[in-house]
Amino acid sequence: MKTIPFGYELINGKAEINDTEANILHQFFTDYLSGLSLTNAAKKAGFTCRHCSAKRILMNKHYLGDDFYPAIISPDMFKQAECEIQKRAAQLGRLNRTGKGRRIVVPTHFKMPSTTNMEFKDSFEEAQYMYALIEEDEHDEK
């Protein structure tokens, strides 16, 4: 698993631009801005990723440069990509989406009834039995 953004490499504890990957990034940004979809621009640049990962790459502000990472993408190109993402989302009606208003409550309080002194030959069966005894406590919101 790579721990630094695509386009960089760590050399002596310092982030430096990987020229090969930086060229791929430029190609990706250029292809997206020329009208290709996120996945097609990513595929053409050589990425094997899904739509959401491609979008995350386009929106990674490290490419503008910061205290640790040198700049790979110009602020103008980055801003154009941001605007294009918003424009396409608006055209597809994907702005201002709201959830269904459904609140998911995850139980956080449990109770365990007292157990009998059953003996199990298999620790897996014992664990299954013990987990089956766990009950949700009434303290959780419904």
N, C-alpha and C. Protein backbone atom coordinates (compact mmCIF):
# COMPACT_ATOMS: atom_id res chain seq x y z
N MET A 1 0.85 -1.18 0.00
CA MET A 1 0.00 0.00 0.00
C MET A 1 0.89 1.24 0.00
N LYS A 2 0.63 2.12 -0.92
CA LYS A 2 1.42 3.33 -1.02
C LYS A 2 0.91 4.34 0.00
N THR A 3 1.82 4.95 0.74
CA THR A 3 1.40 5.87 1.79
C THR A 3 1.50 7.33 1.39
N ILE A 4 2.09 7.61 0.25
CA ILE A 4 2.15 8.98 -0.23
C ILE A 4 1.38 9.04 -1.55
N PRO A 5 0.91 10.24 -1.92
CA PRO A 5 0.12 10.34 -3.15
C PRO A 5 0.90 9.92 -4.39
N PHE A 6 0.16 9.43 -5.37
CA PHE A 6 0.72 9.06 -6.65
C PHE A 6 1.43 10.29 -7.22
N GLY A 7 2.61 10.10 -7.76
CA GLY A 7 3.36 11.21 -8.34
C GLY A 7 4.55 11.62 -7.51
N TYR A 8 4.61 11.09 -6.29
CA TYR A 8 5.70 11.43 -5.39
C TYR A 8 6.43 10.16 -4.96
N GLU A 9 7.64 10.37 -4.48
CA GLU A 9 8.39 9.29 -3.85
C GLU A 9 9.18 9.89 -2.70
N LEU A 10 9.42 9.09 -1.68
CA LEU A 10 10.19 9.55 -0.54
C LEU A 10 11.66 9.24 -0.78
N ILE A 11 12.48 10.27 -0.69
CA ILE A 11 13.92 10.11 -0.81
C ILE A 11 14.55 10.80 0.39
N ASN A 12 15.20 10.00 1.23
CA ASN A 12 15.81 10.50 2.47
C ASN A 12 14.80 11.25 3.33
N GLY A 13 13.59 10.73 3.41
CA GLY A 13 12.55 11.31 4.26
C GLY A 13 11.89 12.55 3.68
N LYS A 14 12.19 12.87 2.45
CA LYS A 14 11.63 14.06 1.82
C LYS A 14 10.83 13.64 0.58
N ALA A 15 9.66 14.25 0.40
CA ALA A 15 8.85 13.95 -0.79
C ALA A 15 9.43 14.65 -1.99
N GLU A 16 9.65 13.86 -3.04
CA GLU A 16 10.14 14.42 -4.29
C GLU A 16 9.26 13.92 -5.43
N ILE A 17 9.25 14.66 -6.50
CA ILE A 17 8.40 14.32 -7.65
C ILE A 17 9.00 13.14 -8.39
N ASN A 18 8.15 12.15 -8.66
CA ASN A 18 8.51 11.02 -9.51
C ASN A 18 8.08 11.44 -10.92
N ASP A 19 9.07 11.72 -11.79
CA ASP A 19 8.77 12.28 -13.11
C ASP A 19 7.84 11.41 -13.94
N THR A 20 8.02 10.10 -13.89
CA THR A 20 7.17 9.20 -14.66
C THR A 20 5.72 9.31 -14.21
N GLU A 21 5.50 9.25 -12.91
CA GLU A 21 4.15 9.34 -12.36
C GLU A 21 3.57 10.74 -12.55
N ALA A 22 4.40 11.76 -12.44
CA ALA A 22 3.94 13.14 -12.63
C ALA A 22 3.42 13.33 -14.07
N ASN A 23 4.11 12.73 -15.03
CA ASN A 23 3.65 12.81 -16.42
C ASN A 23 2.30 12.12 -16.60
N ILE A 24 2.12 11.00 -15.90
CA ILE A 24 0.83 10.30 -15.94
C ILE A 24 -0.27 11.18 -15.35
N LEU A 25 0.04 11.86 -14.24
CA LEU A 25 -0.93 12.77 -13.63
C LEU A 25 -1.31 13.89 -14.58
N HIS A 26 -0.32 14.50 -15.21
CA HIS A 26 -0.60 15.57 -16.18
C HIS A 26 -1.49 15.05 -17.31
N GLN A 27 -1.19 13.84 -17.77
CA GLN A 27 -2.00 13.23 -18.84
C GLN A 27 -3.44 13.04 -18.36
N PHE A 28 -3.61 12.57 -17.14
CA PHE A 28 -4.92 12.34 -16.56
C PHE A 28 -5.71 13.65 -16.48
N PHE A 29 -5.11 14.69 -15.91
CA PHE A 29 -5.78 15.99 -15.81
C PHE A 29 -6.14 16.51 -17.20
N THR A 30 -5.20 16.44 -18.13
CA THR A 30 -5.42 16.95 -19.49
C THR A 30 -6.55 16.21 -20.19
N ASP A 31 -6.55 14.88 -20.08
CA ASP A 31 -7.60 14.08 -20.73
C ASP A 31 -8.97 14.36 -20.12
N TYR A 32 -9.02 14.51 -18.80
CA TYR A 32 -10.30 14.82 -18.15
C TYR A 32 -10.81 16.18 -18.61
N LEU A 33 -9.92 17.16 -18.64
CA LEU A 33 -10.33 18.51 -19.05
C LEU A 33 -10.68 18.59 -20.53
N SER A 34 -10.19 17.63 -21.33
CA SER A 34 -10.52 17.64 -22.76
C SER A 34 -11.88 17.01 -23.02
N GLY A 35 -12.51 16.46 -21.99
CA GLY A 35 -13.87 15.94 -22.15
C GLY A 35 -14.06 14.48 -21.83
N LEU A 36 -12.99 13.73 -21.59
CA LEU A 36 -13.16 12.32 -21.24
C LEU A 36 -13.78 12.19 -19.85
N SER A 37 -14.49 11.10 -19.64
CA SER A 37 -15.04 10.83 -18.32
C SER A 37 -13.90 10.52 -17.35
N LEU A 38 -14.20 10.54 -16.07
CA LEU A 38 -13.18 10.24 -15.07
C LEU A 38 -12.54 8.87 -15.31
N THR A 39 -13.37 7.86 -15.49
CA THR A 39 -12.83 6.51 -15.65
C THR A 39 -12.08 6.36 -16.97
N ASN A 40 -12.57 6.97 -18.04
CA ASN A 40 -11.88 6.87 -19.32
C ASN A 40 -10.56 7.64 -19.32
N ALA A 41 -10.55 8.80 -18.69
CA ALA A 41 -9.31 9.58 -18.58
C ALA A 41 -8.29 8.83 -17.73
N ALA A 42 -8.77 8.20 -16.66
CA ALA A 42 -7.88 7.44 -15.79
C ALA A 42 -7.32 6.23 -16.54
N LYS A 43 -8.20 5.55 -17.26
CA LYS A 43 -7.77 4.37 -18.02
C LYS A 43 -6.75 4.75 -19.09
N LYS A 44 -7.00 5.85 -19.80
CA LYS A 44 -6.08 6.30 -20.84
C LYS A 44 -4.72 6.69 -20.26
N ALA A 45 -4.73 7.26 -19.05
CA ALA A 45 -3.48 7.66 -18.40
C ALA A 45 -2.74 6.46 -17.83
N GLY A 46 -3.44 5.33 -17.67
CA GLY A 46 -2.78 4.13 -17.16
C GLY A 46 -3.18 3.74 -15.76
N PHE A 47 -4.15 4.43 -15.18
CA PHE A 47 -4.64 4.07 -13.85
C PHE A 47 -5.64 2.93 -13.99
N THR A 48 -5.62 2.04 -13.04
CA THR A 48 -6.68 1.03 -12.95
C THR A 48 -7.43 1.32 -11.66
N CYS A 49 -8.42 2.19 -11.77
CA CYS A 49 -9.17 2.58 -10.57
C CYS A 49 -10.62 2.85 -10.93
N ARG A 50 -11.42 2.97 -9.92
CA ARG A 50 -12.84 3.26 -10.10
C ARG A 50 -13.06 4.76 -10.18
N HIS A 51 -14.29 5.12 -10.50
CA HIS A 51 -14.69 6.51 -10.64
C HIS A 51 -14.34 7.32 -9.39
N CYS A 52 -14.68 6.82 -8.22
CA CYS A 52 -14.46 7.59 -6.98
C CYS A 52 -12.96 7.79 -6.71
N SER A 53 -12.15 6.80 -7.01
CA SER A 53 -10.70 6.94 -6.81
C SER A 53 -10.12 7.94 -7.79
N ALA A 54 -10.60 7.93 -9.01
CA ALA A 54 -10.12 8.88 -10.01
C ALA A 54 -10.48 10.30 -9.59
N LYS A 55 -11.68 10.48 -9.08
CA LYS A 55 -12.10 11.81 -8.63
C LYS A 55 -11.25 12.26 -7.45
N ARG A 56 -10.95 11.34 -6.54
CA ARG A 56 -10.12 11.67 -5.38
C ARG A 56 -8.73 12.13 -5.83
N ILE A 57 -8.20 11.51 -6.87
CA ILE A 57 -6.89 11.92 -7.40
C ILE A 57 -6.99 13.35 -7.94
N LEU A 58 -8.03 13.64 -8.71
CA LEU A 58 -8.20 14.99 -9.27
C LEU A 58 -8.37 16.06 -8.19
N MET A 59 -8.88 15.68 -7.04
CA MET A 59 -9.16 16.65 -5.99
C MET A 59 -8.09 16.71 -4.90
N ASN A 60 -7.00 15.97 -5.09
CA ASN A 60 -5.94 15.93 -4.08
C ASN A 60 -5.13 17.23 -4.10
N LYS A 61 -5.28 18.04 -3.07
CA LYS A 61 -4.64 19.36 -3.00
C LYS A 61 -3.12 19.28 -2.82
N HIS A 62 -2.60 18.10 -2.49
CA HIS A 62 -1.15 17.97 -2.39
C HIS A 62 -0.48 18.26 -3.72
N TYR A 63 -1.19 18.02 -4.82
CA TYR A 63 -0.61 18.25 -6.14
C TYR A 63 -0.35 19.72 -6.43
N LEU A 64 -0.95 20.60 -5.63
CA LEU A 64 -0.68 22.04 -5.74
C LEU A 64 0.61 22.43 -5.02
N GLY A 65 1.08 21.53 -4.18
CA GLY A 65 2.28 21.81 -3.38
C GLY A 65 1.89 22.30 -2.00
N ASP A 66 2.64 21.90 -1.01
CA ASP A 66 2.45 22.36 0.36
C ASP A 66 3.79 22.27 1.09
N ASP A 67 3.74 22.27 2.41
CA ASP A 67 4.99 22.26 3.18
C ASP A 67 5.83 21.01 2.95
N PHE A 68 5.19 19.91 2.56
CA PHE A 68 5.92 18.65 2.41
C PHE A 68 6.05 18.22 0.94
N TYR A 69 4.99 18.45 0.18
CA TYR A 69 4.96 17.99 -1.21
C TYR A 69 5.25 19.14 -2.18
N PRO A 70 6.15 18.94 -3.14
CA PRO A 70 6.34 19.95 -4.17
C PRO A 70 5.16 19.92 -5.16
N ALA A 71 4.92 21.03 -5.82
CA ALA A 71 3.79 21.14 -6.75
C ALA A 71 4.03 20.31 -8.01
N ILE A 72 2.98 19.59 -8.42
CA ILE A 72 3.02 18.85 -9.68
C ILE A 72 2.06 19.47 -10.69
N ILE A 73 0.89 19.88 -10.21
CA ILE A 73 -0.16 20.45 -11.06
C ILE A 73 -0.25 21.95 -10.80
N SER A 74 -0.41 22.72 -11.86
CA SER A 74 -0.53 24.18 -11.71
C SER A 74 -1.87 24.52 -11.05
N PRO A 75 -1.91 25.62 -10.29
CA PRO A 75 -3.18 26.02 -9.68
C PRO A 75 -4.29 26.22 -10.71
N ASP A 76 -3.93 26.72 -11.89
CA ASP A 76 -4.93 26.94 -12.94
C ASP A 76 -5.56 25.63 -13.41
N MET A 77 -4.71 24.63 -13.66
CA MET A 77 -5.22 23.32 -14.11
C MET A 77 -6.05 22.66 -13.02
N PHE A 78 -5.59 22.78 -11.78
CA PHE A 78 -6.32 22.19 -10.66
C PHE A 78 -7.70 22.83 -10.53
N LYS A 79 -7.75 24.16 -10.62
CA LYS A 79 -9.02 24.89 -10.52
C LYS A 79 -9.95 24.52 -11.67
N GLN A 80 -9.39 24.36 -12.88
CA GLN A 80 -10.20 23.95 -14.02
C GLN A 80 -10.83 22.58 -13.78
N ALA A 81 -10.04 21.66 -13.21
CA ALA A 81 -10.56 20.32 -12.92
C ALA A 81 -11.67 20.38 -11.88
N GLU A 82 -11.48 21.20 -10.83
CA GLU A 82 -12.52 21.36 -9.81
C GLU A 82 -13.81 21.89 -10.44
N CYS A 83 -13.68 22.91 -11.27
CA CYS A 83 -14.86 23.50 -11.93
C CYS A 83 -15.54 22.49 -12.85
N GLU A 84 -14.74 21.72 -13.56
CA GLU A 84 -15.29 20.72 -14.47
C GLU A 84 -16.05 19.63 -13.71
N ILE A 85 -15.51 19.21 -12.57
CA ILE A 85 -16.19 18.22 -11.73
C ILE A 85 -17.54 18.76 -11.30
N GLN A 86 -17.57 20.02 -10.83
CA GLN A 86 -18.82 20.63 -10.39
C GLN A 86 -19.80 20.79 -11.55
N LYS A 87 -19.30 21.21 -12.70
CA LYS A 87 -20.15 21.41 -13.88
C LYS A 87 -20.81 20.10 -14.30
N ARG A 88 -20.02 19.04 -14.35
CA ARG A 88 -20.57 17.74 -14.76
C ARG A 88 -21.54 17.20 -13.73
N ALA A 89 -21.24 17.42 -12.45
CA ALA A 89 -22.16 16.97 -11.40
C ALA A 89 -23.49 17.70 -11.51
N ALA A 90 -23.44 19.00 -11.80
CA ALA A 90 -24.67 19.78 -11.95
C ALA A 90 -25.47 19.29 -13.16
N GLN A 91 -24.77 19.01 -14.26
CA GLN A 91 -25.46 18.53 -15.47
C GLN A 91 -26.15 17.19 -15.22
N LEU A 92 -25.57 16.39 -14.35
CA LEU A 92 -26.15 15.07 -14.06
C LEU A 92 -27.12 15.11 -12.88
N GLY A 93 -27.34 16.30 -12.31
CA GLY A 93 -28.26 16.43 -11.18
C GLY A 93 -27.74 15.81 -9.90
N ARG A 94 -26.45 15.84 -9.71
CA ARG A 94 -25.84 15.22 -8.54
C ARG A 94 -25.43 16.21 -7.46
N LEU A 95 -25.89 17.44 -7.56
CA LEU A 95 -25.60 18.43 -6.53
C LEU A 95 -26.76 18.50 -5.55
N ASN A 96 -26.46 18.92 -4.36
CA ASN A 96 -27.47 19.11 -3.31
C ASN A 96 -28.28 17.85 -3.03
N ARG A 97 -27.62 16.74 -3.11
CA ARG A 97 -28.30 15.49 -2.76
C ARG A 97 -28.43 15.43 -1.25
N THR A 98 -29.56 14.95 -0.81
CA THR A 98 -29.75 14.73 0.61
C THR A 98 -30.04 13.26 0.83
N GLY A 99 -29.70 12.80 1.99
CA GLY A 99 -29.97 11.41 2.34
C GLY A 99 -31.45 11.18 2.50
N LYS A 100 -31.82 9.97 2.75
CA LYS A 100 -33.23 9.63 2.89
C LYS A 100 -33.75 10.02 4.26
N GLY A 101 -32.90 10.66 5.07
CA GLY A 101 -33.34 11.08 6.38
C GLY A 101 -33.39 9.94 7.38
N ARG A 102 -32.89 8.80 6.97
CA ARG A 102 -32.92 7.64 7.84
C ARG A 102 -31.72 7.68 8.77
N ARG A 103 -31.96 7.62 10.05
CA ARG A 103 -30.88 7.64 11.01
C ARG A 103 -30.58 6.21 11.42
N ILE A 104 -29.34 5.85 11.29
CA ILE A 104 -28.93 4.50 11.67
C ILE A 104 -28.37 4.55 13.08
N VAL A 105 -28.96 3.75 13.94
CA VAL A 105 -28.50 3.68 15.32
C VAL A 105 -27.76 2.37 15.52
N VAL A 106 -26.54 2.49 15.93
CA VAL A 106 -25.73 1.31 16.19
C VAL A 106 -25.72 1.06 17.69
N PRO A 107 -26.13 -0.12 18.13
CA PRO A 107 -26.15 -0.39 19.56
C PRO A 107 -24.76 -0.30 20.16
N THR A 108 -24.69 0.32 21.34
CA THR A 108 -23.40 0.45 22.02
C THR A 108 -23.44 -0.12 23.44
N HIS A 109 -24.60 -0.50 23.91
CA HIS A 109 -24.73 -1.09 25.24
C HIS A 109 -25.29 -2.50 25.10
N PHE A 110 -24.64 -3.42 25.74
CA PHE A 110 -25.06 -4.81 25.66
C PHE A 110 -25.08 -5.41 27.06
N LYS A 111 -25.83 -6.48 27.20
CA LYS A 111 -25.82 -7.19 28.47
C LYS A 111 -25.62 -8.67 28.19
N MET A 112 -25.06 -9.32 29.14
CA MET A 112 -24.74 -10.74 29.00
C MET A 112 -25.36 -11.47 30.19
N PRO A 113 -26.32 -12.34 29.93
CA PRO A 113 -26.92 -13.09 31.04
C PRO A 113 -25.87 -14.04 31.65
N SER A 114 -26.12 -14.41 32.87
CA SER A 114 -25.17 -15.33 33.50
C SER A 114 -25.20 -16.66 32.75
N THR A 115 -24.07 -17.28 32.65
CA THR A 115 -23.96 -18.51 31.88
C THR A 115 -23.96 -19.71 32.80
N THR A 116 -24.30 -20.81 32.22
CA THR A 116 -24.22 -22.05 32.97
C THR A 116 -22.79 -22.56 32.90
N ASN A 117 -22.48 -23.50 33.70
CA ASN A 117 -21.13 -24.05 33.71
C ASN A 117 -21.02 -25.16 32.68
N MET A 118 -21.26 -24.79 31.44
CA MET A 118 -21.15 -25.77 30.37
C MET A 118 -19.69 -25.89 29.97
N GLU A 119 -19.30 -27.11 29.63
CA GLU A 119 -17.93 -27.31 29.17
C GLU A 119 -17.98 -27.69 27.70
N PHE A 120 -17.10 -27.05 26.94
CA PHE A 120 -17.03 -27.28 25.51
C PHE A 120 -15.67 -27.89 25.17
N LYS A 121 -15.70 -28.82 24.26
CA LYS A 121 -14.45 -29.42 23.80
C LYS A 121 -13.77 -28.53 22.77
N ASP A 122 -14.58 -27.76 22.04
CA ASP A 122 -14.06 -26.91 20.99
C ASP A 122 -14.24 -25.45 21.40
N SER A 123 -13.17 -24.68 21.42
CA SER A 123 -13.25 -23.28 21.85
C SER A 123 -14.07 -22.44 20.86
N PHE A 124 -14.11 -22.83 19.59
CA PHE A 124 -14.92 -22.12 18.61
C PHE A 124 -16.40 -22.27 18.96
N GLU A 125 -16.83 -23.48 19.31
CA GLU A 125 -18.23 -23.70 19.69
C GLU A 125 -18.56 -22.93 20.96
N GLU A 126 -17.64 -22.85 21.88
CA GLU A 126 -17.86 -22.10 23.11
C GLU A 126 -18.04 -20.61 22.79
N ALA A 127 -17.19 -20.09 21.91
CA ALA A 127 -17.30 -18.68 21.53
C ALA A 127 -18.63 -18.41 20.84
N GLN A 128 -19.06 -19.31 19.95
CA GLN A 128 -20.35 -19.15 19.28
C GLN A 128 -21.48 -19.11 20.31
N TYR A 129 -21.42 -20.00 21.28
CA TYR A 129 -22.45 -20.05 22.32
C TYR A 129 -22.46 -18.75 23.12
N MET A 130 -21.28 -18.27 23.51
CA MET A 130 -21.19 -17.07 24.33
C MET A 130 -21.70 -15.84 23.56
N TYR A 131 -21.33 -15.71 22.29
CA TYR A 131 -21.79 -14.57 21.50
C TYR A 131 -23.29 -14.63 21.28
N ALA A 132 -23.86 -15.81 21.20
CA ALA A 132 -25.31 -15.94 21.01
C ALA A 132 -26.07 -15.45 22.24
N LEU A 133 -25.43 -15.42 23.39
CA LEU A 133 -26.09 -14.98 24.61
C LEU A 133 -26.14 -13.46 24.76
N ILE A 134 -25.33 -12.74 24.02
CA ILE A 134 -25.26 -11.28 24.14
C ILE A 134 -26.58 -10.68 23.65
N GLU A 135 -27.12 -9.75 24.43
CA GLU A 135 -28.37 -9.08 24.09
C GLU A 135 -28.15 -7.57 24.08
N GLU A 136 -28.91 -6.87 23.25
CA GLU A 136 -28.84 -5.41 23.21
C GLU A 136 -29.49 -4.87 24.47
N ASP A 137 -28.87 -3.87 25.07
CA ASP A 137 -29.40 -3.24 26.28
C ASP A 137 -30.40 -2.15 25.88
N GLU A 138 -31.34 -1.87 26.75
CA GLU A 138 -32.38 -0.88 26.45
C GLU A 138 -31.86 0.55 26.49
N HIS A 139 -30.65 0.81 26.91
CA HIS A 139 -30.12 2.15 27.01
C HIS A 139 -29.90 2.80 25.65
N ASP A 140 -29.77 2.01 24.61
CA ASP A 140 -29.54 2.56 23.28
C ASP A 140 -30.79 3.23 22.75
N GLU A 141 -30.59 4.32 21.99
CA GLU A 141 -31.72 5.01 21.37
C GLU A 141 -32.30 4.17 20.24
N LYS A 142 -33.55 4.24 20.05
CA LYS A 142 -34.22 3.51 18.96
C LYS A 142 -34.61 4.46 17.88
